[in-house]
Amino acid sequence: MTRLTGRALRVTVFVGETDLWHHKPLYTQIVGRAREAGLAGASVFRGIEGFGASSLIHTQRLLSLSEDLPVAVVIVDTEEKVRGFLPELDELVEEGLVILDDCEVIRYVGREKPA
C-alpha cells in the first residue's frame, strides 16, 4: 500500500472531454499511465464551464450545450514521482494546460482489500 504524508507535488492537467489518445478518452489514458507508473492516485473532474487558449467558452448550459466540456485530471505524489511522470504527460497532452503545485498531504488512507 502506498504511504504518502507531508510535502508533495500536485499536477493538474486541463484538457477537453472529447480529447482522444489512440481513439480513447485522453483523461482515461492519463489515469491509466499514472496507475502504471505507481503514482499514489489520480482523479478526474468534469467542469461545467470554461475556456482555454482558444477563448472559446465550453458550457453545459441548456441553450448552448457543448460536447467538449473541460476536464481536470489531478495527481498527487512525491515531487520525485510526479516529476518522473511529466515526460508521459508531455507525450499525451498535445493541447491543454499542465500545472504543478506544492502541497501538503495530511491524510492518505485507502480501503482495505477484501480477503
N, C-alpha and C. Protein backbone atom coordinates (compact mmCIF):
# COMPACT_ATOMS: atom_id res chain seq x y z
N MET A 1 0.85 -1.18 0.00
CA MET A 1 0.00 0.00 0.00
C MET A 1 0.89 1.24 0.00
N THR A 2 0.55 2.21 -0.83
CA THR A 2 1.31 3.45 -0.92
C THR A 2 1.07 4.29 0.32
N ARG A 3 2.12 4.82 0.89
CA ARG A 3 2.02 5.73 2.03
C ARG A 3 2.47 7.10 1.55
N LEU A 4 1.71 8.10 1.90
CA LEU A 4 2.05 9.44 1.46
C LEU A 4 1.59 10.43 2.50
N THR A 5 2.53 11.12 3.13
CA THR A 5 2.21 12.21 4.05
C THR A 5 3.30 13.26 3.91
N GLY A 6 2.97 14.47 4.33
CA GLY A 6 3.94 15.55 4.29
C GLY A 6 3.96 16.26 2.94
N ARG A 7 5.13 16.83 2.62
CA ARG A 7 5.27 17.60 1.38
C ARG A 7 5.05 16.71 0.16
N ALA A 8 4.32 17.25 -0.81
CA ALA A 8 4.04 16.52 -2.04
C ALA A 8 3.91 17.51 -3.18
N LEU A 9 3.73 16.98 -4.36
CA LEU A 9 3.54 17.80 -5.54
C LEU A 9 2.23 17.37 -6.21
N ARG A 10 1.44 18.37 -6.59
CA ARG A 10 0.17 18.10 -7.28
C ARG A 10 0.32 18.55 -8.73
N VAL A 11 -0.01 17.65 -9.64
CA VAL A 11 -0.05 18.02 -11.05
C VAL A 11 -1.51 18.00 -11.47
N THR A 12 -1.94 19.07 -12.12
CA THR A 12 -3.30 19.16 -12.63
C THR A 12 -3.21 19.34 -14.14
N VAL A 13 -3.95 18.51 -14.86
CA VAL A 13 -3.94 18.54 -16.32
C VAL A 13 -5.33 18.94 -16.77
N PHE A 14 -5.42 20.05 -17.49
CA PHE A 14 -6.70 20.53 -18.02
C PHE A 14 -6.75 20.20 -19.50
N VAL A 15 -7.75 19.40 -19.88
CA VAL A 15 -7.95 19.02 -21.28
C VAL A 15 -9.44 19.08 -21.58
N GLY A 16 -9.80 18.79 -22.81
CA GLY A 16 -11.19 18.73 -23.18
C GLY A 16 -11.74 17.33 -23.03
N GLU A 17 -13.03 17.25 -22.72
CA GLU A 17 -13.68 15.96 -22.51
C GLU A 17 -13.60 15.07 -23.75
N THR A 18 -13.58 15.66 -24.92
CA THR A 18 -13.57 14.86 -26.15
C THR A 18 -12.16 14.63 -26.69
N ASP A 19 -11.13 15.10 -26.00
CA ASP A 19 -9.76 14.86 -26.46
C ASP A 19 -9.46 13.37 -26.38
N LEU A 20 -8.83 12.86 -27.44
CA LEU A 20 -8.57 11.43 -27.55
C LEU A 20 -7.08 11.14 -27.66
N TRP A 21 -6.72 9.94 -27.24
CA TRP A 21 -5.39 9.38 -27.45
C TRP A 21 -5.61 7.97 -27.96
N HIS A 22 -5.27 7.75 -29.21
CA HIS A 22 -5.48 6.45 -29.85
C HIS A 22 -6.92 5.95 -29.68
N HIS A 23 -7.86 6.82 -29.99
CA HIS A 23 -9.30 6.52 -30.01
C HIS A 23 -9.91 6.27 -28.63
N LYS A 24 -9.22 6.63 -27.57
CA LYS A 24 -9.75 6.50 -26.22
C LYS A 24 -9.67 7.87 -25.55
N PRO A 25 -10.55 8.14 -24.58
CA PRO A 25 -10.51 9.44 -23.91
C PRO A 25 -9.12 9.71 -23.31
N LEU A 26 -8.61 10.91 -23.57
CA LEU A 26 -7.27 11.28 -23.09
C LEU A 26 -7.18 11.17 -21.57
N TYR A 27 -8.24 11.63 -20.87
CA TYR A 27 -8.18 11.58 -19.40
C TYR A 27 -8.06 10.15 -18.90
N THR A 28 -8.67 9.20 -19.60
CA THR A 28 -8.56 7.78 -19.23
C THR A 28 -7.13 7.29 -19.41
N GLN A 29 -6.50 7.73 -20.47
CA GLN A 29 -5.11 7.34 -20.73
C GLN A 29 -4.17 7.92 -19.66
N ILE A 30 -4.42 9.16 -19.27
CA ILE A 30 -3.58 9.78 -18.23
C ILE A 30 -3.71 9.01 -16.92
N VAL A 31 -4.94 8.69 -16.52
CA VAL A 31 -5.17 7.95 -15.28
C VAL A 31 -4.51 6.56 -15.37
N GLY A 32 -4.66 5.89 -16.49
CA GLY A 32 -4.06 4.57 -16.65
C GLY A 32 -2.55 4.59 -16.56
N ARG A 33 -1.95 5.57 -17.19
CA ARG A 33 -0.49 5.67 -17.14
C ARG A 33 -0.01 6.06 -15.75
N ALA A 34 -0.77 6.89 -15.06
CA ALA A 34 -0.41 7.25 -13.69
C ALA A 34 -0.43 6.01 -12.81
N ARG A 35 -1.42 5.17 -13.01
CA ARG A 35 -1.51 3.92 -12.23
C ARG A 35 -0.34 3.01 -12.55
N GLU A 36 -0.04 2.85 -13.85
CA GLU A 36 1.09 2.01 -14.26
C GLU A 36 2.41 2.53 -13.69
N ALA A 37 2.52 3.85 -13.55
CA ALA A 37 3.75 4.46 -13.02
C ALA A 37 3.84 4.34 -11.51
N GLY A 38 2.80 3.80 -10.87
CA GLY A 38 2.83 3.61 -9.43
C GLY A 38 2.56 4.87 -8.62
N LEU A 39 1.94 5.87 -9.25
CA LEU A 39 1.62 7.09 -8.52
C LEU A 39 0.53 6.82 -7.49
N ALA A 40 0.47 7.67 -6.48
CA ALA A 40 -0.43 7.45 -5.34
C ALA A 40 -1.90 7.44 -5.74
N GLY A 41 -2.28 8.21 -6.74
CA GLY A 41 -3.67 8.23 -7.16
C GLY A 41 -3.92 9.32 -8.18
N ALA A 42 -5.04 9.22 -8.86
CA ALA A 42 -5.44 10.23 -9.85
C ALA A 42 -6.95 10.32 -9.84
N SER A 43 -7.46 11.53 -9.99
CA SER A 43 -8.90 11.76 -10.05
C SER A 43 -9.21 12.65 -11.24
N VAL A 44 -10.38 12.42 -11.85
CA VAL A 44 -10.82 13.21 -12.99
C VAL A 44 -12.06 13.99 -12.57
N PHE A 45 -12.03 15.29 -12.86
CA PHE A 45 -13.16 16.17 -12.53
C PHE A 45 -13.67 16.80 -13.81
N ARG A 46 -14.97 16.72 -14.00
CA ARG A 46 -15.60 17.29 -15.20
C ARG A 46 -16.11 18.68 -14.87
N GLY A 47 -15.68 19.64 -15.66
CA GLY A 47 -16.11 21.02 -15.46
C GLY A 47 -17.47 21.29 -16.06
N ILE A 48 -18.14 22.30 -15.57
CA ILE A 48 -19.44 22.66 -16.12
C ILE A 48 -19.33 23.84 -17.08
N GLU A 49 -18.19 24.55 -17.02
CA GLU A 49 -18.00 25.66 -17.94
C GLU A 49 -16.54 26.08 -17.88
N GLY A 50 -16.03 26.56 -19.01
CA GLY A 50 -14.67 27.05 -19.01
C GLY A 50 -14.22 27.45 -20.40
N PHE A 51 -13.02 28.04 -20.47
CA PHE A 51 -12.39 28.34 -21.75
C PHE A 51 -10.89 28.23 -21.57
N GLY A 52 -10.22 28.05 -22.68
CA GLY A 52 -8.77 27.90 -22.63
C GLY A 52 -8.09 28.85 -23.58
N ALA A 53 -6.99 28.41 -24.16
CA ALA A 53 -6.16 29.26 -25.01
C ALA A 53 -6.92 29.79 -26.22
N SER A 54 -7.92 29.05 -26.69
CA SER A 54 -8.69 29.49 -27.86
C SER A 54 -9.73 30.55 -27.51
N SER A 55 -9.99 30.75 -26.23
CA SER A 55 -11.02 31.68 -25.71
C SER A 55 -12.44 31.28 -26.08
N LEU A 56 -12.64 30.09 -26.59
CA LEU A 56 -13.97 29.57 -26.90
C LEU A 56 -14.57 29.01 -25.61
N ILE A 57 -15.76 29.50 -25.23
CA ILE A 57 -16.40 29.05 -23.99
C ILE A 57 -17.10 27.72 -24.22
N HIS A 58 -16.82 26.77 -23.36
CA HIS A 58 -17.48 25.46 -23.35
C HIS A 58 -18.36 25.43 -22.11
N THR A 59 -19.63 25.08 -22.26
CA THR A 59 -20.55 25.11 -21.13
C THR A 59 -21.57 24.00 -21.26
N GLN A 60 -22.18 23.64 -20.13
CA GLN A 60 -23.24 22.64 -20.15
C GLN A 60 -24.62 23.27 -20.08
N ARG A 61 -24.67 24.62 -20.11
CA ARG A 61 -25.97 25.28 -20.06
C ARG A 61 -26.85 24.80 -21.21
N LEU A 62 -28.13 24.64 -20.93
CA LEU A 62 -29.06 24.03 -21.86
C LEU A 62 -29.07 24.70 -23.23
N LEU A 63 -29.04 26.02 -23.29
CA LEU A 63 -29.16 26.71 -24.56
C LEU A 63 -27.89 26.68 -25.39
N SER A 64 -26.79 26.31 -24.79
CA SER A 64 -25.54 26.26 -25.55
C SER A 64 -24.74 25.02 -25.16
N LEU A 65 -25.35 23.86 -25.32
CA LEU A 65 -24.68 22.62 -24.93
C LEU A 65 -23.37 22.42 -25.67
N SER A 66 -22.36 22.11 -24.94
CA SER A 66 -21.06 21.84 -25.52
C SER A 66 -20.79 20.35 -25.43
N GLU A 67 -20.15 19.83 -26.44
CA GLU A 67 -19.76 18.43 -26.40
C GLU A 67 -18.29 18.28 -26.02
N ASP A 68 -17.69 19.36 -25.57
CA ASP A 68 -16.28 19.32 -25.19
C ASP A 68 -16.07 20.11 -23.91
N LEU A 69 -16.68 19.63 -22.83
CA LEU A 69 -16.55 20.31 -21.54
C LEU A 69 -15.13 20.16 -21.01
N PRO A 70 -14.70 21.08 -20.16
CA PRO A 70 -13.36 20.97 -19.58
C PRO A 70 -13.28 19.80 -18.60
N VAL A 71 -12.12 19.18 -18.57
CA VAL A 71 -11.84 18.07 -17.66
C VAL A 71 -10.51 18.35 -16.99
N ALA A 72 -10.44 18.11 -15.68
CA ALA A 72 -9.19 18.26 -14.94
C ALA A 72 -8.79 16.90 -14.35
N VAL A 73 -7.58 16.49 -14.62
CA VAL A 73 -7.03 15.27 -14.02
C VAL A 73 -6.04 15.74 -12.95
N VAL A 74 -6.26 15.30 -11.71
CA VAL A 74 -5.42 15.74 -10.59
C VAL A 74 -4.67 14.52 -10.04
N ILE A 75 -3.36 14.67 -9.92
CA ILE A 75 -2.50 13.61 -9.40
C ILE A 75 -1.63 14.21 -8.31
N VAL A 76 -1.52 13.52 -7.17
CA VAL A 76 -0.67 13.97 -6.07
C VAL A 76 0.27 12.84 -5.68
N ASP A 77 1.54 13.16 -5.55
CA ASP A 77 2.53 12.19 -5.08
C ASP A 77 3.78 12.96 -4.69
N THR A 78 4.84 12.25 -4.40
CA THR A 78 6.09 12.92 -4.06
C THR A 78 6.60 13.71 -5.26
N GLU A 79 7.40 14.71 -5.02
CA GLU A 79 7.93 15.51 -6.12
C GLU A 79 8.70 14.64 -7.10
N GLU A 80 9.49 13.72 -6.59
CA GLU A 80 10.29 12.84 -7.45
C GLU A 80 9.41 12.03 -8.39
N LYS A 81 8.34 11.44 -7.86
CA LYS A 81 7.47 10.61 -8.70
C LYS A 81 6.70 11.45 -9.72
N VAL A 82 6.19 12.60 -9.28
CA VAL A 82 5.42 13.44 -10.20
C VAL A 82 6.33 13.96 -11.31
N ARG A 83 7.51 14.45 -10.96
CA ARG A 83 8.41 14.96 -12.00
C ARG A 83 8.86 13.84 -12.95
N GLY A 84 8.98 12.63 -12.43
CA GLY A 84 9.31 11.49 -13.28
C GLY A 84 8.19 11.13 -14.24
N PHE A 85 6.96 11.54 -13.91
CA PHE A 85 5.79 11.25 -14.75
C PHE A 85 5.58 12.32 -15.83
N LEU A 86 6.20 13.47 -15.69
CA LEU A 86 5.99 14.58 -16.63
C LEU A 86 6.28 14.22 -18.10
N PRO A 87 7.31 13.41 -18.41
CA PRO A 87 7.51 13.03 -19.81
C PRO A 87 6.30 12.27 -20.40
N GLU A 88 5.62 11.50 -19.58
CA GLU A 88 4.40 10.81 -20.05
C GLU A 88 3.35 11.84 -20.45
N LEU A 89 3.18 12.87 -19.62
CA LEU A 89 2.20 13.91 -19.93
C LEU A 89 2.61 14.69 -21.17
N ASP A 90 3.91 14.92 -21.33
CA ASP A 90 4.40 15.63 -22.50
C ASP A 90 4.04 14.86 -23.77
N GLU A 91 4.09 13.55 -23.70
CA GLU A 91 3.73 12.71 -24.85
C GLU A 91 2.22 12.74 -25.11
N LEU A 92 1.42 12.68 -24.05
CA LEU A 92 -0.03 12.55 -24.18
C LEU A 92 -0.75 13.86 -24.49
N VAL A 93 -0.35 14.94 -23.85
CA VAL A 93 -1.12 16.19 -23.91
C VAL A 93 -0.59 17.07 -25.04
N GLU A 94 -1.32 17.07 -26.16
CA GLU A 94 -0.95 17.92 -27.29
C GLU A 94 -1.56 19.30 -27.17
N GLU A 95 -2.77 19.39 -26.60
CA GLU A 95 -3.44 20.66 -26.34
C GLU A 95 -3.96 20.60 -24.92
N GLY A 96 -3.75 21.65 -24.18
CA GLY A 96 -4.23 21.68 -22.80
C GLY A 96 -3.27 22.47 -21.93
N LEU A 97 -3.43 22.29 -20.65
CA LEU A 97 -2.61 23.01 -19.67
C LEU A 97 -2.21 22.03 -18.58
N VAL A 98 -0.93 22.03 -18.25
CA VAL A 98 -0.41 21.19 -17.17
C VAL A 98 0.22 22.12 -16.15
N ILE A 99 -0.23 22.03 -14.89
CA ILE A 99 0.34 22.88 -13.84
C ILE A 99 0.82 22.02 -12.67
N LEU A 100 1.79 22.56 -11.95
CA LEU A 100 2.34 21.91 -10.76
C LEU A 100 2.14 22.83 -9.57
N ASP A 101 1.77 22.25 -8.43
CA ASP A 101 1.62 22.99 -7.18
C ASP A 101 2.26 22.20 -6.06
N ASP A 102 2.97 22.90 -5.19
CA ASP A 102 3.41 22.27 -3.95
C ASP A 102 2.19 22.09 -3.07
N CYS A 103 2.14 21.00 -2.34
CA CYS A 103 1.03 20.79 -1.41
C CYS A 103 1.53 19.96 -0.23
N GLU A 104 0.67 19.82 0.76
CA GLU A 104 0.99 19.01 1.93
C GLU A 104 -0.12 17.99 2.12
N VAL A 105 0.26 16.73 2.19
CA VAL A 105 -0.71 15.66 2.40
C VAL A 105 -0.88 15.47 3.90
N ILE A 106 -2.11 15.64 4.36
CA ILE A 106 -2.42 15.48 5.77
C ILE A 106 -2.83 14.04 6.07
N ARG A 107 -3.63 13.49 5.19
CA ARG A 107 -4.12 12.12 5.40
C ARG A 107 -4.31 11.45 4.06
N TYR A 108 -3.82 10.23 3.92
CA TYR A 108 -3.95 9.44 2.70
C TYR A 108 -4.15 8.00 3.12
N VAL A 109 -5.39 7.54 3.09
CA VAL A 109 -5.71 6.20 3.55
C VAL A 109 -6.60 5.53 2.52
N GLY A 110 -6.25 4.35 2.11
CA GLY A 110 -7.06 3.59 1.16
C GLY A 110 -7.96 2.60 1.86
N ARG A 111 -8.82 1.99 1.09
CA ARG A 111 -9.71 0.94 1.61
C ARG A 111 -8.93 -0.36 1.76
N GLU A 112 -9.36 -1.14 2.71
CA GLU A 112 -8.77 -2.46 2.86
C GLU A 112 -9.26 -3.34 1.72
N LYS A 113 -8.36 -4.12 1.15
CA LYS A 113 -8.74 -5.04 0.08
C LYS A 113 -9.48 -6.23 0.67
N PRO A 114 -10.56 -6.67 0.01
CA PRO A 114 -11.29 -7.85 0.52
C PRO A 114 -10.40 -9.08 0.55
N ALA A 115 -10.62 -9.92 1.53
CA ALA A 115 -9.80 -11.14 1.69
C ALA A 115 -10.13 -12.18 0.65
